[in-house]
Protein backbone atom coordinates (compact mmCIF):
# COMPACT_ATOMS: atom_id res chain seq x y z
CA MET A 1 63.99 -44.83 -20.82
CA PHE A 2 64.95 -48.30 -19.56
CA VAL A 3 63.00 -51.17 -21.12
CA GLY A 4 63.30 -54.94 -21.04
CA ARG A 5 65.70 -56.96 -18.87
CA LYS A 6 63.09 -57.14 -16.11
CA THR A 7 64.09 -60.68 -15.15
CA GLU A 8 67.76 -59.80 -14.81
CA LEU A 9 67.07 -56.55 -12.97
CA ASP A 10 64.73 -58.24 -10.49
CA SER A 11 67.29 -60.97 -9.89
CA LEU A 12 70.08 -58.47 -9.24
CA ASN A 13 67.91 -56.53 -6.79
CA LYS A 14 67.00 -59.73 -4.93
CA SER A 15 70.70 -60.58 -4.64
CA ARG A 16 71.49 -57.13 -3.31
CA ASN A 17 68.85 -57.50 -0.60
CA LYS A 18 70.69 -60.50 0.85
CA GLU A 19 73.31 -58.18 2.41
CA SER A 20 76.01 -60.88 2.14
CA PHE A 21 78.89 -60.89 -0.36
CA GLN A 22 77.54 -61.25 -3.88
CA PHE A 23 79.46 -61.74 -7.10
CA PRO A 24 77.36 -61.77 -10.29
CA VAL A 25 79.04 -62.04 -13.68
CA ILE A 26 77.36 -60.25 -16.58
CA TYR A 27 78.44 -60.88 -20.15
CA GLY A 28 77.17 -60.83 -23.71
CA ARG A 29 78.02 -59.54 -27.15
CA ARG A 30 78.67 -55.86 -27.74
CA ARG A 31 75.69 -53.46 -27.93
CA VAL A 32 73.39 -55.92 -26.14
CA GLY A 33 72.77 -53.61 -23.17
CA LYS A 34 75.07 -54.84 -20.39
CA THR A 35 76.22 -51.40 -19.29
CA THR A 36 72.67 -50.02 -19.44
CA LEU A 37 71.47 -52.86 -17.19
CA ILE A 38 74.27 -52.23 -14.68
CA ASN A 39 73.60 -48.48 -14.65
CA GLU A 40 69.89 -49.06 -14.06
CA PHE A 41 70.62 -51.49 -11.23
CA CYS A 42 73.14 -49.12 -9.62
CA ARG A 43 70.90 -46.06 -9.88
CA GLY A 44 70.65 -44.39 -6.44
CA LYS A 45 73.00 -46.91 -4.82
CA LYS A 46 76.55 -46.45 -3.56
CA THR A 47 78.57 -47.64 -6.52
CA ILE A 48 82.18 -47.75 -7.65
CA TYR A 49 81.83 -48.03 -11.40
CA PHE A 50 85.06 -48.66 -13.27
CA VAL A 51 85.39 -49.17 -17.02
CA ALA A 52 88.70 -50.81 -17.89
CA VAL A 53 90.55 -49.56 -20.95
CA GLN A 54 92.72 -51.25 -23.54
CA SER A 55 95.93 -49.86 -22.10
CA THR A 56 98.64 -50.56 -19.57
CA ALA A 57 98.14 -51.89 -16.07
CA ARG A 58 99.48 -48.60 -14.74
CA GLU A 59 96.80 -46.54 -16.50
CA ASN A 60 94.01 -48.92 -15.47
CA LEU A 61 95.21 -48.81 -11.86
CA ALA A 62 95.23 -44.99 -11.93
CA ILE A 63 91.66 -44.83 -13.30
CA LEU A 64 90.46 -47.48 -10.84
CA SER A 65 92.10 -45.70 -7.89
CA ALA A 66 90.43 -42.42 -8.80
CA GLN A 67 87.01 -44.07 -8.97
CA ILE A 68 87.43 -45.89 -5.66
CA LEU A 69 88.56 -42.78 -3.81
CA PHE A 70 85.89 -40.58 -5.43
CA VAL A 71 83.19 -42.82 -3.96
CA LEU A 72 84.71 -44.06 -0.69
CA ALA A 73 87.03 -41.20 0.31
CA PRO A 74 86.00 -38.08 -1.61
CA ASP A 75 88.10 -35.78 0.59
CA ALA A 76 91.30 -37.85 0.38
CA PRO A 77 94.14 -37.09 -2.05
CA ARG A 78 93.65 -38.92 -5.37
CA ASN A 79 96.98 -40.74 -5.26
CA PRO A 80 96.85 -44.11 -7.05
CA PHE A 81 97.06 -47.28 -4.99
CA ALA A 82 100.39 -49.03 -5.19
CA SER A 83 98.88 -52.16 -6.73
CA PHE A 84 95.61 -53.84 -7.68
CA ARG A 85 95.96 -55.93 -4.53
CA GLU A 86 96.00 -52.79 -2.39
CA ALA A 87 93.03 -51.31 -4.27
CA PHE A 88 90.92 -54.46 -3.88
CA GLU A 89 91.85 -54.80 -0.19
CA TYR A 90 90.73 -51.24 0.43
CA VAL A 91 87.34 -51.81 -1.18
CA PHE A 92 86.73 -55.09 0.65
CA GLU A 93 87.67 -53.56 4.00
CA ARG A 94 85.29 -50.63 3.53
CA ALA A 95 82.50 -53.00 2.46
CA LYS A 96 82.58 -54.78 5.81
CA THR A 97 80.44 -52.06 7.36
CA GLU A 98 78.29 -50.89 4.44
CA ARG A 99 76.81 -52.24 1.23
CA VAL A 100 78.96 -51.14 -1.72
CA ILE A 101 78.54 -52.07 -5.35
CA PHE A 102 81.88 -52.50 -7.14
CA ALA A 103 81.27 -52.86 -10.88
CA ILE A 104 84.19 -53.57 -13.20
CA ASP A 105 83.08 -53.16 -16.80
CA GLU A 106 85.14 -54.49 -19.73
CA TYR A 107 86.95 -56.79 -17.32
CA PRO A 108 88.83 -58.56 -20.16
CA TYR A 109 90.72 -55.31 -20.79
CA LEU A 110 91.77 -55.12 -17.14
CA ALA A 111 92.88 -58.76 -17.10
CA GLY A 112 94.69 -58.23 -20.38
CA SER A 113 96.71 -55.38 -18.89
CA ASP A 114 97.82 -57.51 -15.91
CA SER A 115 97.65 -61.31 -16.18
CA ALA A 116 97.73 -61.66 -12.38
CA VAL A 117 94.66 -59.53 -11.67
CA SER A 118 92.21 -62.48 -11.59
CA SER A 119 94.40 -64.29 -9.05
CA VAL A 120 94.69 -61.13 -6.96
CA LEU A 121 90.92 -60.68 -7.02
CA GLN A 122 90.38 -64.33 -6.13
CA ALA A 123 92.66 -63.97 -3.11
CA ALA A 124 90.73 -60.91 -1.91
CA ILE A 125 87.41 -62.73 -2.31
CA ASP A 126 88.60 -65.78 -0.40
CA LYS A 127 90.00 -63.63 2.39
CA HIS A 128 87.03 -61.31 2.90
CA GLN A 129 83.82 -62.82 1.52
CA ALA A 130 82.64 -64.33 4.81
CA GLU A 131 82.33 -60.90 6.45
CA SER A 132 81.95 -58.66 3.41
CA LYS A 133 78.90 -56.78 2.17
CA LEU A 134 80.52 -56.08 -1.18
CA PHE A 135 78.40 -56.51 -4.31
CA LEU A 136 81.05 -57.24 -6.93
CA ILE A 137 80.08 -57.22 -10.61
CA LEU A 138 82.39 -58.31 -13.41
CA CYS A 139 81.16 -57.46 -16.88
CA GLY A 140 82.62 -58.14 -20.31
CA SER A 141 81.86 -58.24 -24.02
CA SER A 142 84.45 -60.84 -24.96
CA MET A 143 82.28 -63.95 -24.74
CA SER A 144 85.15 -66.43 -24.99
CA PHE A 145 87.18 -64.63 -22.31
CA MET A 146 84.30 -64.38 -19.86
CA GLU A 147 83.30 -68.02 -20.30
CA ARG A 148 86.84 -69.39 -20.10
CA GLN A 149 88.82 -66.92 -17.98
CA VAL A 150 86.11 -65.91 -15.49
CA LEU A 151 83.55 -68.72 -15.43
CA GLY A 152 85.74 -71.58 -16.69
CA TYR A 153 87.04 -74.23 -14.30
CA LYS A 154 90.67 -73.26 -15.03
CA SER A 155 90.08 -69.67 -14.00
CA PRO A 156 91.27 -68.48 -10.56
CA LEU A 157 87.75 -67.06 -10.15
CA HIS A 158 86.01 -70.36 -10.86
CA GLY A 159 83.43 -71.21 -8.21
CA ARG A 160 83.41 -67.73 -6.67
CA ARG A 161 80.58 -66.17 -8.66
CA THR A 162 77.15 -66.19 -7.01
CA ALA A 163 75.18 -65.61 -10.23
CA GLN A 164 75.80 -65.24 -13.94
CA TYR A 165 73.81 -63.44 -16.62
CA LYS A 166 74.45 -64.02 -20.29
CA LEU A 167 72.54 -61.19 -21.93
CA LEU A 168 70.96 -62.13 -25.24
CA PRO A 169 69.29 -59.85 -27.79
CA MET A 170 65.78 -58.78 -26.80
CA ASP A 171 62.84 -60.60 -28.35
CA TYR A 172 60.35 -58.90 -30.66
CA LEU A 173 58.01 -57.93 -27.82
CA GLU A 174 60.74 -56.37 -25.68
CA SER A 175 62.12 -54.62 -28.76
CA ALA A 176 58.69 -53.15 -29.46
CA GLU A 177 58.88 -51.20 -26.18
CA MET A 178 61.69 -49.16 -27.77
CA LEU A 179 59.64 -48.42 -30.90
CA PRO A 180 56.74 -46.15 -29.95
CA GLY A 181 54.79 -44.68 -32.82
CA PHE A 182 55.20 -47.63 -35.18
CA THR A 183 52.54 -50.16 -36.14
CA HIS A 184 52.78 -53.80 -35.03
CA GLU A 185 53.88 -54.83 -38.51
CA GLU A 186 56.55 -52.12 -38.60
CA LYS A 187 57.83 -53.24 -35.20
CA ILE A 188 58.37 -56.77 -36.50
CA ILE A 189 60.16 -55.39 -39.56
CA LEU A 190 62.40 -53.22 -37.37
CA TYR A 191 63.10 -56.22 -35.15
CA SER A 192 64.11 -58.16 -38.26
CA ILE A 193 66.76 -55.60 -39.25
CA THR A 194 68.13 -54.80 -35.78
CA GLY A 195 68.05 -58.29 -34.31
CA GLY A 196 66.72 -57.01 -30.99
CA ILE A 197 70.00 -55.29 -30.10
CA PRO A 198 69.10 -52.36 -27.82
CA GLU A 199 71.79 -50.01 -29.10
CA TYR A 200 70.56 -50.40 -32.68
CA LEU A 201 66.93 -50.03 -31.65
CA SER A 202 67.81 -46.79 -29.86
CA ARG A 203 68.86 -45.33 -33.22
CA ILE A 204 65.37 -45.70 -34.69
CA GLU A 205 63.62 -42.33 -34.97
CA ASN A 206 59.84 -42.45 -34.68
CA THR A 207 59.58 -39.13 -36.52
CA LEU A 208 60.87 -40.86 -39.66
CA SER A 209 59.22 -43.52 -41.79
CA LEU A 210 60.28 -47.15 -41.76
CA GLN A 211 62.08 -46.76 -45.09
CA GLU A 212 63.81 -43.56 -44.01
CA ASN A 213 65.14 -45.28 -40.89
CA MET A 214 66.43 -48.20 -42.96
CA GLN A 215 68.15 -45.85 -45.35
CA ASN A 216 69.78 -43.78 -42.60
CA LEU A 217 71.04 -46.83 -40.71
CA PHE A 218 72.23 -49.13 -43.51
CA PHE A 219 72.28 -47.41 -46.89
CA ASP A 220 74.21 -44.25 -46.05
CA PRO A 221 78.04 -44.41 -45.74
CA ALA A 222 77.68 -42.34 -42.57
CA GLY A 223 74.94 -44.60 -41.21
CA ARG A 224 75.31 -46.26 -37.81
CA LEU A 225 75.03 -49.80 -39.22
CA PHE A 226 76.67 -49.29 -42.61
CA GLU A 227 79.91 -50.97 -41.45
CA GLU A 228 78.74 -52.50 -38.17
CA PRO A 229 79.27 -56.22 -38.95
CA SER A 230 82.79 -55.56 -40.24
CA ASN A 231 83.62 -53.46 -37.18
CA LEU A 232 82.27 -56.10 -34.79
CA LEU A 233 84.36 -58.84 -36.40
CA LYS A 234 87.48 -56.65 -36.13
CA GLN A 235 86.79 -55.93 -32.46
CA GLU A 236 86.00 -59.50 -31.43
CA LEU A 237 88.16 -61.76 -33.56
CA LYS A 238 91.58 -62.42 -34.97
CA PHE A 239 91.56 -62.98 -38.74
CA PRO A 240 88.30 -61.07 -39.32
CA GLU A 241 88.75 -61.44 -43.10
CA THR A 242 88.45 -65.23 -42.84
CA TYR A 243 85.43 -65.01 -40.55
CA ASN A 244 83.88 -62.59 -43.02
CA ALA A 245 84.40 -65.12 -45.81
CA ILE A 246 82.66 -67.81 -43.74
CA ILE A 247 79.68 -65.59 -42.94
CA THR A 248 79.43 -64.50 -46.57
CA ALA A 249 79.38 -68.14 -47.68
CA ILE A 250 76.49 -68.91 -45.32
CA ALA A 251 74.63 -65.74 -46.33
CA GLU A 252 74.91 -66.78 -49.98
CA GLY A 253 73.34 -70.18 -49.34
CA SER A 254 76.08 -72.55 -48.22
CA SER A 255 74.87 -74.44 -45.16
CA ARG A 256 76.99 -77.58 -44.75
CA LEU A 257 80.50 -77.61 -43.35
CA ASN A 258 82.30 -78.74 -46.49
CA GLU A 259 80.33 -76.29 -48.65
CA ILE A 260 81.16 -73.37 -46.36
CA ALA A 261 84.86 -74.32 -46.17
CA THR A 262 85.12 -74.63 -49.95
CA LYS A 263 83.36 -71.32 -50.56
CA ALA A 264 85.53 -69.56 -47.94
CA GLY A 265 88.71 -71.16 -49.31
CA ILE A 266 89.89 -72.77 -46.07
CA GLU A 267 90.42 -76.28 -44.68
CA THR A 268 87.40 -78.04 -43.20
CA SER A 269 89.04 -78.41 -39.78
CA GLN A 270 89.82 -74.69 -39.61
CA CYS A 271 86.31 -73.86 -40.77
CA SER A 272 84.82 -76.07 -38.06
CA ARG A 273 86.80 -74.28 -35.32
CA MET A 274 85.85 -70.85 -36.64
CA LEU A 275 82.19 -71.82 -36.90
CA SER A 276 82.32 -72.82 -33.22
CA THR A 277 83.66 -69.37 -32.38
CA LEU A 278 80.92 -67.66 -34.41
CA THR A 279 78.36 -69.87 -32.68
CA SER A 280 79.62 -68.82 -29.24
CA LEU A 281 79.21 -65.18 -30.32
CA GLY A 282 75.59 -65.79 -31.31
CA LEU A 283 76.26 -65.01 -34.97
CA VAL A 284 75.87 -68.56 -36.33
CA ARG A 285 73.92 -71.58 -35.15
CA LYS A 286 74.17 -75.25 -35.95
CA GLU A 287 70.71 -76.55 -36.64
CA TYR A 288 69.13 -79.99 -36.92
CA PRO A 289 65.63 -80.83 -38.03
CA ILE A 290 63.72 -80.73 -34.75
CA ILE A 291 63.00 -84.23 -33.40
CA GLU A 292 66.04 -85.58 -35.26
CA THR A 293 69.65 -85.41 -34.11
CA LYS A 294 71.50 -87.05 -37.00
CA SER A 295 74.71 -85.12 -37.62
CA LYS A 296 74.56 -85.71 -41.37
CA LYS A 297 71.46 -83.50 -41.49
CA SER A 298 72.99 -80.61 -39.56
CA ILE A 299 73.32 -77.25 -41.28
CA TYR A 300 74.71 -73.85 -40.33
CA ARG A 301 72.60 -70.69 -40.46
CA LEU A 302 73.25 -67.09 -39.52
CA ASP A 303 71.67 -66.41 -36.14
CA ASP A 304 71.71 -62.61 -36.02
CA TRP A 305 69.03 -60.76 -37.95
CA MET A 306 71.06 -57.61 -38.43
CA PHE A 307 73.93 -59.68 -39.88
CA ILE A 308 71.48 -61.56 -42.11
CA PHE A 309 70.05 -58.28 -43.41
CA TRP A 310 73.45 -56.65 -43.90
CA TYR A 311 75.09 -59.56 -45.69
CA ARG A 312 72.09 -60.02 -47.95
CA PHE A 313 71.26 -56.43 -48.86
CA VAL A 314 74.16 -54.12 -47.91
CA LEU A 315 77.38 -56.02 -48.63
CA PRO A 316 76.57 -56.74 -52.29
CA GLU A 317 75.72 -53.06 -52.82
CA LEU A 318 78.61 -51.36 -51.03
CA SER A 319 79.87 -49.82 -54.27
CA ARG A 320 76.53 -48.29 -55.23
CA ILE A 321 75.90 -47.06 -51.69
CA SER A 322 79.38 -45.51 -51.46
CA ALA A 323 78.75 -43.83 -54.83
CA GLY A 324 75.74 -42.02 -53.37
CA LEU A 325 73.03 -44.37 -54.62
CA GLY A 326 71.95 -45.62 -51.19
CA GLU A 327 68.45 -44.19 -51.53
CA THR A 328 67.97 -46.11 -54.77
CA VAL A 329 69.29 -49.36 -53.28
CA CYS A 330 67.12 -48.97 -50.18
CA GLY A 331 64.07 -48.32 -52.34
CA GLU A 332 64.71 -51.51 -54.31
CA VAL A 333 65.12 -53.57 -51.14
CA PHE A 334 62.03 -52.04 -49.55
CA ALA A 335 59.84 -52.59 -52.61
CA GLU A 336 61.03 -55.97 -53.85
CA GLN A 337 62.99 -58.02 -51.33
CA LEU A 338 62.21 -56.99 -47.77
CA ASP A 339 59.19 -59.26 -47.27
CA SER A 340 61.21 -62.42 -47.92
CA HIS A 341 63.70 -61.40 -45.23
CA VAL A 342 60.99 -60.46 -42.73
CA GLY A 343 59.19 -63.73 -43.43
CA ARG A 344 62.06 -65.70 -41.95
CA ALA A 345 62.26 -63.40 -38.95
CA PHE A 346 58.49 -63.74 -38.51
CA GLU A 347 58.99 -67.47 -37.97
CA GLU A 348 61.41 -66.64 -35.15
CA CYS A 349 58.90 -64.20 -33.66
CA ALA A 350 56.27 -66.96 -33.73
CA LYS A 351 58.56 -69.27 -31.76
CA GLN A 352 59.22 -66.50 -29.26
CA TYR A 353 55.46 -66.07 -28.95
CA MET A 354 55.09 -69.80 -28.30
CA TRP A 355 57.61 -69.75 -25.44
CA ARG A 356 55.97 -66.69 -23.90
CA ALA A 357 52.49 -68.20 -24.25
CA LEU A 358 53.73 -71.43 -22.67
CA LYS A 359 55.12 -69.50 -19.70
CA GLU A 360 51.83 -67.64 -19.33
CA ARG A 361 49.85 -70.88 -19.72
CA LYS A 362 47.97 -69.65 -22.76
CA LEU A 363 48.55 -72.73 -24.90
CA PRO A 364 46.26 -75.77 -25.05
CA VAL A 365 49.30 -78.08 -25.24
CA ALA A 366 52.49 -77.77 -23.23
CA PHE A 367 55.79 -78.49 -24.99
CA LYS A 368 59.45 -78.95 -24.14
CA LYS A 369 61.11 -78.32 -27.50
CA ILE A 370 60.33 -76.23 -30.54
CA GLY A 371 62.09 -75.82 -33.85
CA ARG A 372 62.03 -75.99 -37.62
CA TRP A 373 61.82 -79.36 -39.37
CA TRP A 374 62.84 -80.41 -42.84
CA GLY A 375 63.16 -83.85 -44.34
CA ASN A 376 62.10 -86.37 -46.93
CA ASN A 377 58.52 -87.36 -47.71
CA PRO A 378 59.02 -91.01 -48.74
CA LYS A 379 55.52 -91.38 -50.15
CA GLU A 380 55.67 -88.36 -52.43
CA ARG A 381 59.47 -88.50 -52.87
CA ARG A 382 60.15 -84.87 -52.14
CA GLU A 383 61.59 -82.64 -49.47
CA GLU A 384 59.19 -81.06 -47.00
CA GLU A 385 59.56 -78.19 -44.53
CA ILE A 386 57.54 -77.22 -41.47
CA ASP A 387 58.05 -73.78 -39.92
CA PHE A 388 57.96 -75.21 -36.42
CA ILE A 389 56.99 -78.24 -34.40
CA ALA A 390 56.53 -77.76 -30.65
CA PHE A 391 56.32 -81.09 -28.88
CA SER A 392 56.54 -83.09 -25.68
CA GLU A 393 56.19 -86.89 -25.63
CA GLU A 394 53.06 -87.74 -27.67
CA LYS A 395 51.77 -84.15 -27.89
CA ALA A 396 52.70 -81.75 -30.68
CA VAL A 397 51.78 -78.39 -32.17
CA PHE A 398 52.51 -77.96 -35.88
CA GLY A 399 52.96 -74.34 -36.93
CA GLU A 400 52.98 -72.36 -40.15
CA CYS A 401 53.88 -68.66 -40.52
CA LYS A 402 52.85 -66.46 -43.45
CA TRP A 403 54.26 -62.97 -43.95
CA ARG A 404 52.39 -61.85 -47.05
CA ASN A 405 49.77 -59.31 -48.03
CA ALA A 406 47.07 -61.88 -48.82
CA GLN A 407 44.95 -63.42 -46.07
CA THR A 408 45.85 -66.98 -45.12
CA GLY A 409 43.35 -69.54 -46.33
CA LYS A 410 42.48 -73.17 -45.75
CA ASP A 411 44.97 -74.39 -48.37
CA VAL A 412 47.78 -73.50 -45.95
CA LEU A 413 46.14 -75.49 -43.17
CA GLU A 414 45.43 -78.46 -45.39
CA ASN A 415 49.05 -78.55 -46.51
CA LEU A 416 50.22 -78.40 -42.90
CA ILE A 417 47.88 -81.24 -41.90
CA ARG A 418 49.25 -83.30 -44.79
CA LYS A 419 52.82 -82.78 -43.64
CA ALA A 420 51.90 -83.52 -40.02
CA GLY A 421 50.75 -86.93 -41.25
CA LEU A 422 54.41 -87.86 -41.71
CA PHE A 423 54.74 -88.11 -37.92
CA LYS A 424 53.05 -91.22 -36.55
CA ASN A 425 54.50 -90.95 -33.03
CA PHE A 426 52.24 -88.05 -32.02
CA THR A 427 48.72 -88.93 -30.87
CA ASN A 428 47.65 -85.48 -29.68
CA ILE A 429 48.16 -82.93 -32.48
CA ARG A 430 47.14 -79.30 -32.76
CA TYR A 431 47.81 -76.62 -35.36
CA MET A 432 48.78 -72.96 -35.06
CA LEU A 433 48.84 -70.54 -37.97
CA PHE A 434 50.50 -67.11 -37.77
CA SER A 435 49.58 -64.58 -40.43
CA LYS A 436 50.60 -61.00 -41.20
CA SER A 437 47.35 -60.22 -43.03
CA GLY A 438 44.85 -62.25 -41.07
CA PHE A 439 42.72 -65.15 -42.25
CA THR A 440 39.93 -65.78 -44.74
CA ASP A 441 36.40 -66.29 -43.46
CA THR A 442 36.58 -69.92 -44.62
CA MET A 443 39.72 -70.44 -42.56
CA LYS A 444 38.13 -68.85 -39.50
CA ALA A 445 35.04 -71.04 -39.86
CA MET A 446 37.16 -74.17 -40.21
CA ALA A 447 39.15 -73.28 -37.08
CA ALA A 448 35.94 -72.69 -35.10
CA LYS A 449 34.45 -75.97 -36.25
CA ARG A 450 37.46 -78.23 -35.69
CA GLY A 451 38.60 -76.93 -32.30
CA ASP A 452 42.23 -78.01 -32.76
CA ILE A 453 43.35 -74.93 -34.70
CA THR A 454 44.60 -71.61 -33.29
CA LEU A 455 44.85 -68.57 -35.54
CA ILE A 456 47.25 -65.80 -34.53
CA GLY A 457 47.42 -62.46 -36.29
CA VAL A 458 50.07 -59.81 -35.77
CA LYS A 459 47.83 -57.91 -33.35
CA GLU A 460 47.42 -61.00 -31.15
CA MET A 461 51.22 -61.38 -31.01
CA PHE A 462 51.42 -58.10 -29.12
CA ASN A 463 48.64 -58.78 -26.60
């Protein structure tokens, strides 16, 4: 069953309906659903689908030739083309009279096998695009390669693409479509441990309990996600051990550049470059208190919920899990520590809800930016945190998110109002509270009386 990616799929179909030469580039981290999107788009359409392999140019040319001839000349001998130039010319010539989709998946592998292939493809595009009906798709998982060697201004292909799609993990609501049979709360928990990655979500079995799924995925040496972060770092990066040290440092609480470098045992300049790489992969983000942009307040946080879960709960327990005690470890995590992890993810879900509600015009105040804030309270001489502030000019929504078993009461609102008082530049202020367990009657009455408070329970987040 295909779920999510409606925006991208609709856009691809609109491009195909134009009949002219089209060249979309699709990229994103591994497991994010690029191939599934392409397969869904190509369903029922004339398509040459070629997956490049990490091998020689000769082997890639042989596989490509077989795919081209299978689709465009099924009765012809399957002799390989003499070169990539000849193969591309053949496809472009045939696409002058009919619409053909030519999808090259894992393009970085193809380009790695022959450094001239991008230039050869560029020459074919420039020669034929004016009269071609070819729908050319280049797809890749190497984010740095696709952004620099395909989309970058130094690439031979620069300026040729007609669209680009950087696929990101699905949000909590899209993820929920892949989780039938689970409650709303369980869907948020499952989002918090899979990070909205479709391939991971597809491994969830709705015939098993939440805890059983966690155990099978993470706390079993044969589990799909038991070694996933380590494997991803090995696939994507040189020096995976050093990157692992950086991520571990952040997972253990280091957030500033010098702290992370010291904990990882590397120079600050090297750490800065590697953090930039992890940021481009969507594994780390550099964060400022929203509204402020002072670099001295910037911190680094992990930006992938599966990585956050794994580095916090799996990595420290690898020995016990490998010794056959995974069920015990999972039980401890489930009973004692899971809520604190989900609480942070719940804040992210609330921000996703805010963007969706803004798009659907369900909010009383429009905003342009949203994010977490932390800073000093000069009057009370202490640090304060606000889960999110969504704002635009003089308007702002202050938000608080509570993932706990007790209902949220007026004390939470009063504390939020107090912290909002630190911001004198906003003249139109509203408050939004998100709660796992709902709200007390006193809180509901206060919200009804004031008129500037919106209460959102988990059920409302899925409506």
